[in-house]
């Protein structure tokens, strides 16, 4: 991903994994919503209810990527304000775990907002007609 499509800020998370400390940055993915799934619900082995909803965001770069992002629990309510085709900025966390000797990764969204593209100076201040100006 290009840096303009995946911004990394100075917020860090520290994770202990196999007695190693891993530092992970807070990341945002910018793109257009390609798909919004229905909410999936279930109960964990521990008896706790869970809910998950997935969106797919297509990045805007030379080689666009379709990134599947899961929203869990009360975070899924944020998705109700968006539709397929909306440009968005999604704040994510990367998650990883080991199960029976295999490693799995997931991308979890925790915030979604409208993306407003950078506007150039010409668009912010259109040229004025100088004939009507008194000076």
Protein backbone atom coordinates (compact mmCIF):
# COMPACT_ATOMS: atom_id res chain seq x y z
CA UNK A 1 0.00 0.00 0.00
CA UNK A 2 1.12 3.50 -0.71
CA UNK A 3 1.57 5.80 2.25
CA UNK A 4 -1.30 8.02 1.07
CA UNK A 5 -3.60 4.99 1.27
CA UNK A 6 -2.40 3.59 4.58
CA UNK A 7 -1.38 6.26 7.05
CA UNK A 8 0.67 5.21 10.05
CA UNK A 9 0.56 7.51 13.05
CA UNK A 10 2.79 7.65 16.13
CA UNK A 11 0.47 5.50 18.29
CA UNK A 12 1.93 2.12 19.16
CA UNK A 13 0.56 -1.08 20.69
CA UNK A 14 2.89 -3.56 22.35
CA UNK A 15 2.02 -7.27 22.16
CA UNK A 16 3.77 -10.22 23.79
CA UNK A 17 3.99 -13.16 21.37
CA UNK A 18 6.10 -16.29 21.99
CA UNK A 19 8.12 -14.35 24.58
CA UNK A 20 8.86 -11.63 22.01
CA UNK A 21 7.58 -8.08 22.18
CA UNK A 22 5.98 -6.82 18.97
CA UNK A 23 5.22 -3.13 18.41
CA UNK A 24 2.27 -2.43 16.09
CA UNK A 25 1.28 0.99 14.73
CA UNK A 26 -2.23 2.35 14.60
CA UNK A 27 -3.28 2.29 10.94
CA UNK A 28 -5.95 3.71 8.66
CA UNK A 29 -7.11 2.34 5.32
CA UNK A 30 -8.52 4.81 2.82
CA UNK A 31 -10.66 3.65 -0.07
CA UNK A 32 -14.17 3.03 -1.38
CA UNK A 33 -16.65 0.59 0.14
CA UNK A 34 -17.12 -2.34 -2.25
CA UNK A 35 -19.26 -4.61 -0.05
CA UNK A 36 -21.11 -4.51 3.26
CA UNK A 37 -22.08 -7.92 4.68
CA UNK A 38 -25.01 -8.79 6.89
CA UNK A 39 -24.42 -9.05 10.63
CA UNK A 40 -23.31 -12.49 11.85
CA UNK A 41 -24.16 -13.46 15.43
CA UNK A 42 -23.25 -16.38 17.63
CA UNK A 43 -22.17 -17.60 21.04
CA UNK A 44 -18.59 -18.39 22.03
CA UNK A 45 -17.50 -21.57 23.81
CA UNK A 46 -17.43 -19.49 26.99
CA UNK A 47 -21.13 -18.67 26.50
CA UNK A 48 -20.65 -15.01 25.50
CA UNK A 49 -22.72 -13.58 22.66
CA UNK A 50 -20.80 -12.03 19.76
CA UNK A 51 -21.68 -10.09 16.62
CA UNK A 52 -19.55 -9.40 13.54
CA UNK A 53 -20.04 -7.43 10.36
CA UNK A 54 -17.57 -7.22 7.50
CA UNK A 55 -16.93 -4.54 4.91
CA UNK A 56 -14.63 -4.71 1.91
CA UNK A 57 -12.75 -1.51 1.05
CA UNK A 58 -11.05 -1.07 -2.33
CA UNK A 59 -7.94 1.08 -2.06
CA UNK A 60 -7.27 3.82 -4.60
CA UNK A 61 -3.76 3.17 -5.86
CA UNK A 62 -1.92 1.93 -8.95
CA UNK A 63 -2.78 -1.69 -8.05
CA UNK A 64 -6.06 -1.47 -6.07
CA UNK A 65 -6.51 -3.95 -3.24
CA UNK A 66 -9.79 -5.28 -1.82
CA UNK A 67 -9.30 -5.32 1.96
CA UNK A 68 -11.82 -7.22 4.13
CA UNK A 69 -12.28 -5.51 7.52
CA UNK A 70 -14.24 -7.01 10.43
CA UNK A 71 -16.20 -4.87 12.89
CA UNK A 72 -17.08 -6.59 16.16
CA UNK A 73 -19.61 -5.92 18.93
CA UNK A 74 -20.97 -2.40 19.25
CA UNK A 75 -18.58 -1.16 16.52
CA UNK A 76 -20.87 -2.66 13.85
CA UNK A 77 -23.41 0.11 14.45
CA UNK A 78 -21.02 2.60 12.79
CA UNK A 79 -21.45 0.82 9.44
CA UNK A 80 -25.18 1.67 9.31
CA UNK A 81 -24.30 5.22 8.22
CA UNK A 82 -22.49 4.05 5.05
CA UNK A 83 -23.36 2.55 1.67
CA UNK A 84 -21.49 0.74 -1.08
CA UNK A 85 -19.55 3.32 -3.10
CA UNK A 86 -18.86 5.70 -0.20
CA UNK A 87 -15.25 6.92 0.15
CA UNK A 88 -14.12 6.07 3.69
CA UNK A 89 -11.24 6.20 6.14
CA UNK A 90 -11.19 3.08 8.36
CA UNK A 91 -9.03 2.89 11.51
CA UNK A 92 -7.86 -0.68 11.99
CA UNK A 93 -5.95 -2.99 14.29
CA UNK A 94 -4.09 -6.04 13.05
CA UNK A 95 -4.65 -9.20 15.06
CA UNK A 96 -2.78 -12.48 14.94
CA UNK A 97 -3.04 -15.77 16.77
CA UNK A 98 -1.76 -19.34 16.68
CA UNK A 99 -4.02 -22.39 16.67
CA UNK A 100 -2.65 -25.95 16.43
CA UNK A 101 0.64 -24.76 14.99
CA UNK A 102 -0.93 -22.55 12.32
CA UNK A 103 -0.95 -18.76 12.37
CA UNK A 104 -3.93 -16.60 11.47
CA UNK A 105 -4.28 -12.86 10.92
CA UNK A 106 -7.31 -10.61 10.92
CA UNK A 107 -8.02 -6.93 10.32
CA UNK A 108 -10.41 -5.41 12.85
CA UNK A 109 -11.99 -2.00 12.28
CA UNK A 110 -12.72 0.20 15.25
CA UNK A 111 -13.68 3.48 13.56
CA UNK A 112 -15.05 4.41 10.15
CA UNK A 113 -15.57 7.92 8.79
CA UNK A 114 -16.20 9.68 5.49
CA UNK A 115 -13.02 10.36 3.57
CA UNK A 116 -12.65 13.84 2.19
CA UNK A 117 -9.93 13.91 -0.44
CA UNK A 118 -7.25 16.58 -0.36
CA UNK A 119 -8.47 19.61 -2.24
CA UNK A 120 -5.97 21.60 -4.28
CA UNK A 121 -5.53 25.35 -3.96
CA UNK A 122 -7.29 25.96 -7.30
CA UNK A 123 -10.40 24.17 -6.04
CA UNK A 124 -10.40 26.03 -2.72
CA UNK A 125 -9.87 29.48 -4.26
CA UNK A 126 -11.24 29.62 -7.79
CA UNK A 127 -9.83 32.40 -9.97
CA UNK A 128 -11.65 35.69 -9.55
CA UNK A 129 -12.53 38.09 -12.28
CA UNK A 130 -10.32 41.10 -11.73
CA UNK A 131 -12.32 43.48 -13.98
CA UNK A 132 -14.90 44.22 -11.26
CA UNK A 133 -12.38 44.91 -8.51
CA UNK A 134 -12.00 48.57 -7.47
CA UNK A 135 -8.20 48.41 -7.14
